[in-house]
PDB file of N, CA and C in Angstrom:
ATOM      1  N   MET A   1      -0.970  -9.270  35.202  1.00  0.00           N
ATOM      2  CA  MET A   1      -0.291  -8.545  34.432  1.00  0.00           C
ATOM      3  C   MET A   1      -0.995  -7.386  34.423  1.00  0.00           C
ATOM      4  N   ILE A   2      -0.452  -6.260  34.112  1.00  0.00           N
ATOM      5  CA  ILE A   2      -1.249  -4.835  34.060  1.00  0.00           C
ATOM      6  C   ILE A   2      -1.069  -4.516  32.626  1.00  0.00           C
ATOM      7  N   VAL A   3      -1.894  -3.744  31.859  1.00  0.00           N
ATOM      8  CA  VAL A   3      -1.750  -3.086  30.755  1.00  0.00           C
ATOM      9  C   VAL A   3      -2.101  -1.705  30.976  1.00  0.00           C
ATOM     10  N   TYR A   4      -1.216  -0.666  30.786  1.00  0.00           N
ATOM     11  CA  TYR A   4      -1.487   0.746  31.015  1.00  0.00           C
ATOM     12  C   TYR A   4      -1.685   1.327  29.638  1.00  0.00           C
ATOM     13  N   ASN A   5      -2.911   1.588  29.303  1.00  0.00           N
ATOM     14  CA  ASN A   5      -3.341   1.794  27.815  1.00  0.00           C
ATOM     15  C   ASN A   5      -3.146   3.349  27.643  1.00  0.00           C
ATOM     16  N   VAL A   6      -2.721   3.877  26.774  1.00  0.00           N
ATOM     17  CA  VAL A   6      -2.727   5.480  26.295  1.00  0.00           C
ATOM     18  C   VAL A   6      -3.403   5.472  25.084  1.00  0.00           C
ATOM     19  N   THR A   7      -4.541   6.062  24.915  1.00  0.00           N
ATOM     20  CA  THR A   7      -5.216   6.322  23.559  1.00  0.00           C
ATOM     21  C   THR A   7      -5.153   7.773  23.357  1.00  0.00           C
ATOM     22  N   VAL A   8      -4.503   7.892  22.090  1.00  0.00           N
ATOM     23  CA  VAL A   8      -4.422   9.311  21.545  1.00  0.00           C
ATOM     24  C   VAL A   8      -4.893   9.708  20.434  1.00  0.00           C
ATOM     25  N   ARG A   9      -5.932  10.605  20.271  1.00  0.00           N
ATOM     26  CA  ARG A   9      -6.536  11.337  19.088  1.00  0.00           C
ATOM     27  C   ARG A   9      -5.572  12.050  18.642  1.00  0.00           C
ATOM     28  N   VAL A  10      -5.071  11.885  17.314  1.00  0.00           N
ATOM     29  CA  VAL A  10      -3.914  12.717  16.531  1.00  0.00           C
ATOM     30  C   VAL A  10      -4.525  13.429  15.061  1.00  0.00           C
ATOM     31  N   ASP A  11      -4.262  14.386  15.216  1.00  0.00           N
ATOM     32  CA  ASP A  11      -4.589  15.518  14.207  1.00  0.00           C
ATOM     33  C   ASP A  11      -3.989  15.020  12.690  1.00  0.00           C
ATOM     34  N   GLU A  12      -4.850  14.684  11.849  1.00  0.00           N
ATOM     35  CA  GLU A  12      -4.445  14.302  10.278  1.00  0.00           C
ATOM     36  C   GLU A  12      -3.155  15.013  10.075  1.00  0.00           C
ATOM     37  N   ASP A  13      -2.820  16.189  10.314  1.00  0.00           N
ATOM     38  CA  ASP A  13      -1.708  16.401   9.807  1.00  0.00           C
ATOM     39  C   ASP A  13      -0.253  16.599  10.241  1.00  0.00           C
ATOM     40  N   ILE A  14      -0.459  15.820  11.345  1.00  0.00           N
ATOM     41  CA  ILE A  14       0.807  15.575  12.045  1.00  0.00           C
ATOM     42  C   ILE A  14       1.019  13.865  12.353  1.00  0.00           C
ATOM     43  N   LYS A  15      -0.150  13.301  11.842  1.00  0.00           N
ATOM     44  CA  LYS A  15       0.088  11.922  12.235  1.00  0.00           C
ATOM     45  C   LYS A  15       1.060  10.906  11.867  1.00  0.00           C
ATOM     46  N   ALA A  16       1.629  11.209  10.684  1.00  0.00           N
ATOM     47  CA  ALA A  16       3.059  10.636  10.293  1.00  0.00           C
ATOM     48  C   ALA A  16       4.361  11.076  11.065  1.00  0.00           C
ATOM     49  N   ASP A  17       4.543  12.332  11.424  1.00  0.00           N
ATOM     50  CA  ASP A  17       5.639  12.769  12.127  1.00  0.00           C
ATOM     51  C   ASP A  17       5.258  12.043  13.837  1.00  0.00           C
ATOM     52  N   TRP A  18       3.982  12.218  14.031  1.00  0.00           N
ATOM     53  CA  TRP A  18       3.737  11.732  15.267  1.00  0.00           C
ATOM     54  C   TRP A  18       4.098  10.416  15.569  1.00  0.00           C
ATOM     55  N   LEU A  19       3.464   9.251  14.789  1.00  0.00           N
ATOM     56  CA  LEU A  19       3.694   8.101  14.768  1.00  0.00           C
ATOM     57  C   LEU A  19       5.607   7.825  14.788  1.00  0.00           C
ATOM     58  N   GLU A  20       5.957   8.482  13.889  1.00  0.00           N
ATOM     59  CA  GLU A  20       7.492   8.252  13.681  1.00  0.00           C
ATOM     60  C   GLU A  20       8.118   8.539  15.246  1.00  0.00           C
ATOM     61  N   TRP A  21       7.672   9.726  15.711  1.00  0.00           N
ATOM     62  CA  TRP A  21       8.450  10.087  17.110  1.00  0.00           C
ATOM     63  C   TRP A  21       8.270   9.154  18.206  1.00  0.00           C
ATOM     64  N   MET A  22       6.822   8.725  18.101  1.00  0.00           N
ATOM     65  CA  MET A  22       6.508   7.666  19.259  1.00  0.00           C
ATOM     66  C   MET A  22       7.324   6.560  18.960  1.00  0.00           C
ATOM     67  N   ARG A  23       7.385   5.786  17.503  1.00  0.00           N
ATOM     68  CA  ARG A  23       8.016   4.610  17.581  1.00  0.00           C
ATOM     69  C   ARG A  23       9.930   4.742  17.763  1.00  0.00           C
ATOM     70  N   THR A  24      10.124   5.894  17.479  1.00  0.00           N
ATOM     71  CA  THR A  24      11.847   6.036  17.590  1.00  0.00           C
ATOM     72  C   THR A  24      12.103   6.896  18.842  1.00  0.00           C
ATOM     73  N   ILE A  25      11.424   7.650  19.562  1.00  0.00           N
ATOM     74  CA  ILE A  25      11.543   8.439  20.805  1.00  0.00           C
ATOM     75  C   ILE A  25      11.038   7.869  21.901  1.00  0.00           C
ATOM     76  N   HIS A  26       9.599   8.189  21.866  1.00  0.00           N
ATOM     77  CA  HIS A  26       8.874   8.419  22.929  1.00  0.00           C
ATOM     78  C   HIS A  26       8.684   7.010  23.640  1.00  0.00           C
ATOM     79  N   ILE A  27       8.452   5.803  22.876  1.00  0.00           N
ATOM     80  CA  ILE A  27       8.095   4.572  23.116  1.00  0.00           C
ATOM     81  C   ILE A  27       9.451   3.935  23.847  1.00  0.00           C
ATOM     82  N   PRO A  28      10.572   4.113  23.268  1.00  0.00           N
ATOM     83  CA  PRO A  28      11.917   3.652  23.362  1.00  0.00           C
ATOM     84  C   PRO A  28      12.111   4.481  24.944  1.00  0.00           C
ATOM     85  N   GLU A  29      11.915   5.566  25.017  1.00  0.00           N
ATOM     86  CA  GLU A  29      12.172   6.323  26.214  1.00  0.00           C
ATOM     87  C   GLU A  29      11.376   5.273  27.658  1.00  0.00           C
ATOM     88  N   VAL A  30       9.974   5.462  27.334  1.00  0.00           N
ATOM     89  CA  VAL A  30       9.316   4.626  27.959  1.00  0.00           C
ATOM     90  C   VAL A  30       9.541   2.998  28.549  1.00  0.00           C
ATOM     91  N   MET A  31      10.008   2.603  27.533  1.00  0.00           N
ATOM     92  CA  MET A  31      10.796   0.940  28.076  1.00  0.00           C
ATOM     93  C   MET A  31      11.795   1.174  28.268  1.00  0.00           C
ATOM     94  N   ALA A  32      12.785   2.254  28.189  1.00  0.00           N
ATOM     95  CA  ALA A  32      14.266   2.369  28.965  1.00  0.00           C
ATOM     96  C   ALA A  32      13.942   2.462  30.381  1.00  0.00           C
ATOM     97  N   THR A  33      12.778   2.723  30.963  1.00  0.00           N
ATOM     98  CA  THR A  33      12.266   2.974  32.401  1.00  0.00           C
ATOM     99  C   THR A  33      12.509   1.887  33.172  1.00  0.00           C
ATOM    100  N   GLY A  34      12.457   0.481  32.198  1.00  0.00           N
ATOM    101  CA  GLY A  34      12.337  -0.706  33.117  1.00  0.00           C
ATOM    102  C   GLY A  34      11.244  -1.008  33.854  1.00  0.00           C
ATOM    103  N   MET A  35      10.269  -0.610  33.555  1.00  0.00           N
ATOM    104  CA  MET A  35       8.960  -0.762  34.163  1.00  0.00           C
ATOM    105  C   MET A  35       8.133  -1.783  33.266  1.00  0.00           C
ATOM    106  N   PHE A  36       8.176  -1.692  32.471  1.00  0.00           N
ATOM    107  CA  PHE A  36       7.109  -2.380  31.328  1.00  0.00           C
ATOM    108  C   PHE A  36       8.256  -3.669  30.623  1.00  0.00           C
ATOM    109  N   VAL A  37       7.564  -4.579  30.101  1.00  0.00           N
ATOM    110  CA  VAL A  37       7.869  -5.868  29.464  1.00  0.00           C
ATOM    111  C   VAL A  37       7.735  -5.808  28.059  1.00  0.00           C
ATOM    112  N   GLU A  38       6.481  -5.072  27.662  1.00  0.00           N
ATOM    113  CA  GLU A  38       6.152  -5.343  26.196  1.00  0.00           C
ATOM    114  C   GLU A  38       5.480  -4.104  26.092  1.00  0.00           C
ATOM    115  N   HIS A  39       5.033  -3.856  24.674  1.00  0.00           N
ATOM    116  CA  HIS A  39       4.403  -2.794  24.290  1.00  0.00           C
ATOM    117  C   HIS A  39       3.810  -2.824  23.030  1.00  0.00           C
ATOM    118  N   LYS A  40       2.498  -2.548  22.741  1.00  0.00           N
ATOM    119  CA  LYS A  40       2.163  -2.833  21.413  1.00  0.00           C
ATOM    120  C   LYS A  40       1.395  -1.744  20.916  1.00  0.00           C
ATOM    121  N   ILE A  41       1.453  -1.246  19.531  1.00  0.00           N
ATOM    122  CA  ILE A  41       0.655   0.214  18.936  1.00  0.00           C
ATOM    123  C   ILE A  41      -0.509  -0.334  18.160  1.00  0.00           C
ATOM    124  N   PHE A  42      -1.640   0.439  18.540  1.00  0.00           N
ATOM    125  CA  PHE A  42      -3.014   0.067  17.836  1.00  0.00           C
ATOM    126  C   PHE A  42      -3.435   1.124  16.947  1.00  0.00           C
ATOM    127  N   ARG A  43      -3.788   1.064  15.731  1.00  0.00           N
ATOM    128  CA  ARG A  43      -4.669   2.077  15.198  1.00  0.00           C
ATOM    129  C   ARG A  43      -6.209   1.913  15.523  1.00  0.00           C
ATOM    130  N   ILE A  44      -6.833   2.578  15.855  1.00  0.00           N
ATOM    131  CA  ILE A  44      -8.381   2.455  16.263  1.00  0.00           C
ATOM    132  C   ILE A  44      -9.014   2.681  15.019  1.00  0.00           C
ATOM    133  N   ILE A  45      -9.930   1.804  14.647  1.00  0.00           N
ATOM    134  CA  ILE A  45     -10.762   1.804  13.465  1.00  0.00           C
ATOM    135  C   ILE A  45     -11.844   2.445  14.015  1.00  0.00           C
ATOM    136  N   GLN A  46     -12.363   3.443  13.269  1.00  0.00           N
ATOM    137  CA  GLN A  46     -13.333   4.235  13.619  1.00  0.00           C
ATOM    138  C   GLN A  46     -13.975   5.099  12.369  1.00  0.00           C
ATOM    139  N   ASN A  47     -15.103   5.365  12.693  1.00  0.00           N
ATOM    140  CA  ASN A  47     -15.708   5.883  11.196  1.00  0.00           C
ATOM    141  C   ASN A  47     -16.197   7.328  11.522  1.00  0.00           C
ATOM    142  N   GLY A  48     -15.861   8.253  10.615  1.00  0.00           N
ATOM    143  CA  GLY A  48     -16.861   9.437  10.704  1.00  0.00           C
ATOM    144  C   GLY A  48     -16.103  10.550  11.652  1.00  0.00           C
ATOM    145  N   GLN A  49     -14.909  10.386  12.175  1.00  0.00           N
ATOM    146  CA  GLN A  49     -14.194  11.052  12.915  1.00  0.00           C
ATOM    147  C   GLN A  49     -13.142  11.929  12.422  1.00  0.00           C
ATOM    148  N   GLU A  50     -12.791  13.092  12.833  1.00  0.00           N
ATOM    149  CA  GLU A  50     -11.638  13.872  12.452  1.00  0.00           C
ATOM    150  C   GLU A  50     -10.509  13.503  13.262  1.00  0.00           C
ATOM    151  N   GLY A  51      -9.144  13.345  12.413  1.00  0.00           N
ATOM    152  CA  GLY A  51      -8.052  12.551  12.745  1.00  0.00           C
ATOM    153  C   GLY A  51      -8.133  11.329  12.914  1.00  0.00           C
ATOM    154  N   VAL A  52      -7.159  10.912  13.286  1.00  0.00           N
ATOM    155  CA  VAL A  52      -6.644   9.152  13.452  1.00  0.00           C
ATOM    156  C   VAL A  52      -6.652   8.912  15.297  1.00  0.00           C
ATOM    157  N   SER A  53      -6.799   7.834  15.854  1.00  0.00           N
ATOM    158  CA  SER A  53      -6.415   7.653  17.231  1.00  0.00           C
ATOM    159  C   SER A  53      -5.945   6.111  17.132  1.00  0.00           C
ATOM    160  N   TYR A  54      -5.047   6.003  18.201  1.00  0.00           N
ATOM    161  CA  TYR A  54      -3.879   5.298  18.379  1.00  0.00           C
ATOM    162  C   TYR A  54      -4.254   4.541  19.978  1.00  0.00           C
ATOM    163  N   ALA A  55      -3.975   3.393  20.124  1.00  0.00           N
ATOM    164  CA  ALA A  55      -3.893   3.341  21.370  1.00  0.00           C
ATOM    165  C   ALA A  55      -2.645   2.499  21.707  1.00  0.00           C
ATOM    166  N   ILE A  56      -1.871   2.955  22.377  1.00  0.00           N
ATOM    167  CA  ILE A  56      -0.809   2.339  22.800  1.00  0.00           C
ATOM    168  C   ILE A  56      -0.623   1.598  24.199  1.00  0.00           C
ATOM    169  N   GLN A  57      -0.146   0.265  24.318  1.00  0.00           N
ATOM    170  CA  GLN A  57      -0.190  -0.688  25.432  1.00  0.00           C
ATOM    171  C   GLN A  57       1.131  -0.981  26.028  1.00  0.00           C
ATOM    172  N   TYR A  58       1.055  -0.792  27.100  1.00  0.00           N
ATOM    173  CA  TYR A  58       2.452  -1.124  27.815  1.00  0.00           C
ATOM    174  C   TYR A  58       2.166  -1.986  28.910  1.00  0.00           C
ATOM    175  N   TYR A  59       2.732  -3.169  28.945  1.00  0.00           N
ATOM    176  CA  TYR A  59       2.422  -4.475  29.784  1.00  0.00           C
ATOM    177  C   TYR A  59       3.362  -4.289  30.907  1.00  0.00           C
ATOM    178  N   CYS A  60       3.085  -4.189  32.293  1.00  0.00           N
ATOM    179  CA  CYS A  60       3.753  -4.362  33.412  1.00  0.00           C
ATOM    180  C   CYS A  60       3.126  -5.610  34.362  1.00  0.00           C
ATOM    181  N   HIS A  61       4.064  -5.874  35.105  1.00  0.00           N
ATOM    182  CA  HIS A  61       3.901  -7.046  36.233  1.00  0.00           C
ATOM    183  C   HIS A  61       2.914  -6.880  37.123  1.00  0.00           C
ATOM    184  N   ASP A  62       2.746  -5.614  38.055  1.00  0.00           N
ATOM    185  CA  ASP A  62       1.667  -5.518  39.060  1.00  0.00           C
ATOM    186  C   ASP A  62       1.607  -4.041  38.905  1.00  0.00           C
ATOM    187  N   MET A  63       0.848  -3.625  39.838  1.00  0.00           N
ATOM    188  CA  MET A  63       0.158  -2.443  40.008  1.00  0.00           C
ATOM    189  C   MET A  63       1.586  -1.273  40.808  1.00  0.00           C
ATOM    190  N   LYS A  64       2.260  -2.349  41.739  1.00  0.00           N
ATOM    191  CA  LYS A  64       3.408  -1.479  42.366  1.00  0.00           C
ATOM    192  C   LYS A  64       4.326  -1.092  41.460  1.00  0.00           C
ATOM    193  N   THR A  65       4.677  -1.489  40.339  1.00  0.00           N
ATOM    194  CA  THR A  65       5.609  -1.249  38.999  1.00  0.00           C
ATOM    195  C   THR A  65       4.988   0.020  38.516  1.00  0.00           C
ATOM    196  N   LEU A  66       3.836  -0.208  38.082  1.00  0.00           N
ATOM    197  CA  LEU A  66       2.887   0.707  37.352  1.00  0.00           C
ATOM    198  C   LEU A  66       3.030   2.302  38.322  1.00  0.00           C
ATOM    199  N   HIS A  67       2.773   1.951  39.657  1.00  0.00           N
ATOM    200  CA  HIS A  67       2.561   3.078  40.674  1.00  0.00           C
ATOM    201  C   HIS A  67       3.899   3.931  40.469  1.00  0.00           C
ATOM    202  N   GLN A  68       5.201   3.181  40.393  1.00  0.00           N
ATOM    203  CA  GLN A  68       6.415   3.704  40.337  1.00  0.00           C
ATOM    204  C   GLN A  68       6.714   4.618  39.108  1.00  0.00           C
ATOM    205  N   TYR A  69       6.116   3.785  38.088  1.00  0.00           N
ATOM    206  CA  TYR A  69       6.470   4.464  36.863  1.00  0.00           C
ATOM    207  C   TYR A  69       5.480   6.058  36.798  1.00  0.00           C
ATOM    208  N   GLN A  70       4.491   5.744  37.217  1.00  0.00           N
ATOM    209  CA  GLN A  70       3.341   7.129  37.289  1.00  0.00           C
ATOM    210  C   GLN A  70       4.365   7.936  38.089  1.00  0.00           C
ATOM    211  N   ILE A  71       4.702   7.515  39.287  1.00  0.00           N
ATOM    212  CA  ILE A  71       5.603   8.947  40.300  1.00  0.00           C
ATOM    213  C   ILE A  71       6.912   9.480  39.426  1.00  0.00           C
ATOM    214  N   HIS A  72       7.766   8.122  38.906  1.00  0.00           N
ATOM    215  CA  HIS A  72       8.972   8.897  38.741  1.00  0.00           C
ATOM    216  C   HIS A  72       9.242   8.862  37.595  1.00  0.00           C
ATOM    217  N   HIS A  73       8.698   8.695  36.355  1.00  0.00           N
ATOM    218  CA  HIS A  73       8.783   8.521  34.984  1.00  0.00           C
ATOM    219  C   HIS A  73       7.619   9.346  34.312  1.00  0.00           C
ATOM    220  N   ALA A  74       6.447   9.041  34.363  1.00  0.00           N
ATOM    221  CA  ALA A  74       5.648   9.829  33.786  1.00  0.00           C
ATOM    222  C   ALA A  74       4.949  11.152  33.419  1.00  0.00           C
ATOM    223  N   PRO A  75       5.316  11.929  34.699  1.00  0.00           N
ATOM    224  CA  PRO A  75       5.358  13.122  34.580  1.00  0.00           C
ATOM    225  C   PRO A  75       6.140  14.095  33.425  1.00  0.00           C
ATOM    226  N   ALA A  76       7.419  13.571  33.462  1.00  0.00           N
ATOM    227  CA  ALA A  76       8.542  14.072  32.402  1.00  0.00           C
ATOM    228  C   ALA A  76       7.963  13.574  31.075  1.00  0.00           C
ATOM    229  N   LEU A  77       8.020  12.437  30.948  1.00  0.00           N
ATOM    230  CA  LEU A  77       7.611  12.033  29.570  1.00  0.00           C
ATOM    231  C   LEU A  77       6.202  12.412  28.806  1.00  0.00           C
ATOM    232  N   GLN A  78       5.410  12.486  29.871  1.00  0.00           N
ATOM    233  CA  GLN A  78       4.059  13.031  29.316  1.00  0.00           C
ATOM    234  C   GLN A  78       4.167  14.696  29.176  1.00  0.00           C
ATOM    235  N   ALA A  79       4.974  15.382  29.902  1.00  0.00           N
ATOM    236  CA  ALA A  79       5.186  17.057  29.426  1.00  0.00           C
ATOM    237  C   ALA A  79       5.716  16.989  28.038  1.00  0.00           C
ATOM    238  N   ASP A  80       7.097  15.719  28.067  1.00  0.00           N
ATOM    239  CA  ASP A  80       7.501  16.067  26.495  1.00  0.00           C
ATOM    240  C   ASP A  80       6.585  16.114  25.235  1.00  0.00           C
ATOM    241  N   HIS A  81       5.412  15.037  25.739  1.00  0.00           N
ATOM    242  CA  HIS A  81       4.491  14.714  24.733  1.00  0.00           C
ATOM    243  C   HIS A  81       3.551  16.091  24.496  1.00  0.00           C
ATOM    244  N   VAL A  82       3.237  16.530  25.209  1.00  0.00           N
ATOM    245  CA  VAL A  82       2.416  17.616  25.513  1.00  0.00           C
ATOM    246  C   VAL A  82       3.290  18.964  24.803  1.00  0.00           C
ATOM    247  N   LYS A  83       4.544  19.427  25.005  1.00  0.00           N
ATOM    248  CA  LYS A  83       5.416  20.166  24.753  1.00  0.00           C
ATOM    249  C   LYS A  83       5.209  20.046  23.185  1.00  0.00           C
ATOM    250  N   ARG A  84       5.537  18.837  22.674  1.00  0.00           N
ATOM    251  CA  ARG A  84       5.795  18.583  21.520  1.00  0.00           C
ATOM    252  C   ARG A  84       4.727  19.022  20.497  1.00  0.00           C
ATOM    253  N   TYR A  85       3.460  18.317  20.923  1.00  0.00           N
ATOM    254  CA  TYR A  85       2.315  18.232  19.897  1.00  0.00           C
ATOM    255  C   TYR A  85       1.051  19.058  20.815  1.00  0.00           C
ATOM    256  N   GLY A  86       1.169  19.628  21.954  1.00  0.00           N
ATOM    257  CA  GLY A  86       0.001  20.536  22.400  1.00  0.00           C
ATOM    258  C   GLY A  86      -1.349  19.479  22.290  1.00  0.00           C
ATOM    259  N   GLU A  87      -2.383  20.229  21.805  1.00  0.00           N
ATOM    260  CA  GLU A  87      -3.743  19.865  21.394  1.00  0.00           C
ATOM    261  C   GLU A  87      -3.867  19.265  20.493  1.00  0.00           C
ATOM    262  N   LYS A  88      -2.928  19.010  19.437  1.00  0.00           N
ATOM    263  CA  LYS A  88      -2.694  18.387  18.048  1.00  0.00           C
ATOM    264  C   LYS A  88      -2.827  16.811  18.414  1.00  0.00           C
ATOM    265  N   ALA A  89      -2.495  16.270  19.360  1.00  0.00           N
ATOM    266  CA  ALA A  89      -2.318  14.929  19.909  1.00  0.00           C
ATOM    267  C   ALA A  89      -2.870  14.774  21.489  1.00  0.00           C
ATOM    268  N   LEU A  90      -4.091  14.434  21.375  1.00  0.00           N
ATOM    269  CA  LEU A  90      -4.858  14.626  23.108  1.00  0.00           C
ATOM    270  C   LEU A  90      -4.876  13.091  23.529  1.00  0.00           C
ATOM    271  N   ALA A  91      -4.552  12.545  24.741  1.00  0.00           N
ATOM    272  CA  ALA A  91      -4.072  11.673  25.326  1.00  0.00           C
ATOM    273  C   ALA A  91      -5.128  11.454  26.481  1.00  0.00           C
ATOM    274  N   PHE A  92      -5.334  10.116  26.650  1.00  0.00           N
ATOM    275  CA  PHE A  92      -6.153   9.822  28.013  1.00  0.00           C
ATOM    276  C   PHE A  92      -5.773   8.301  28.334  1.00  0.00           C
ATOM    277  N   ARG A  93      -5.679   7.821  29.360  1.00  0.00           N
ATOM    278  CA  ARG A  93      -5.039   7.015  30.031  1.00  0.00           C
ATOM    279  C   ARG A  93      -5.771   6.020  30.723  1.00  0.00           C
ATOM    280  N   THR A  94      -5.939   4.556  30.413  1.00  0.00           N
ATOM    281  CA  THR A  94      -6.766   3.450  31.371  1.00  0.00           C
ATOM    282  C   THR A  94      -6.041   2.522  31.522  1.00  0.00           C
ATOM    283  N   LEU A  95      -6.398   1.923  32.758  1.00  0.00           N
ATOM    284  CA  LEU A  95      -5.774   0.643  33.114  1.00  0.00           C
ATOM    285  C   LEU A  95      -6.622  -0.403  33.141  1.00  0.00           C
ATOM    286  N   LEU A  96      -5.939  -1.686  32.567  1.00  0.00           N
ATOM    287  CA  LEU A  96      -6.433  -2.707  32.589  1.00  0.00           C
ATOM    288  C   LEU A  96      -5.933  -4.091  33.362  1.00  0.00           C
ATOM    289  N   GLU A  97      -6.599  -4.909  33.710  1.00  0.00           N
ATOM    290  CA  GLU A  97      -6.020  -6.053  34.192  1.00  0.00           C
ATOM    291  C   GLU A  97      -5.957  -7.388  33.235  1.00  0.00           C
ATOM    292  N   VAL A  98      -5.110  -8.154  32.972  1.00  0.00           N
ATOM    293  CA  VAL A  98      -5.297  -9.274  32.292  1.00  0.00           C
ATOM    294  C   VAL A  98      -5.603 -10.246  33.274  1.00  0.00           C
ATOM    295  N   ILE A  99      -6.811 -11.089  32.969  1.00  0.00           N
ATOM    296  CA  ILE A  99      -7.548 -11.947  33.670  1.00  0.00           C
ATOM    297  C   ILE A  99      -7.266 -13.233  33.161  1.00  0.00           C
ATOM    298  N   GLU A 100      -7.299 -13.336  31.619  1.00  0.00           N
ATOM    299  CA  GLU A 100      -7.046 -14.535  31.062  1.00  0.00           C
ATOM    300  C   GLU A 100      -6.020 -14.414  29.981  1.00  0.00           C
TER     301      GLU A 100
END
C-alpha cells in the first residue's frame, strides 16, 4: 500500500473555507479518479507557527496506480487548488510505503 501524503499550511483567515472546499469539492474529485481506496485528513499539532497545517493522506494499492494519478489527474487538480488559494495554502507532497 502506498500513501500519497499532501501537507498544506493554511493561513488562519481562510482555514474554514479551505477545509470545507477540501471536504466537499477537492477530496471527492481526487477520490472520483478511482486511483485511491481511502483517504484521511489530519490537523498537524504545532506550537508557535502562523497558520494551521493539515495532512491529507490518500491510499492506493501500488506505485503504478499512483504514477497514473500523477500523470493523468494531479496537474489539473493541483492547478485548481493553486487558482483558488494561491500562497494562502501552500502544499508539499511526500510518498510513504506501508510496511506493517
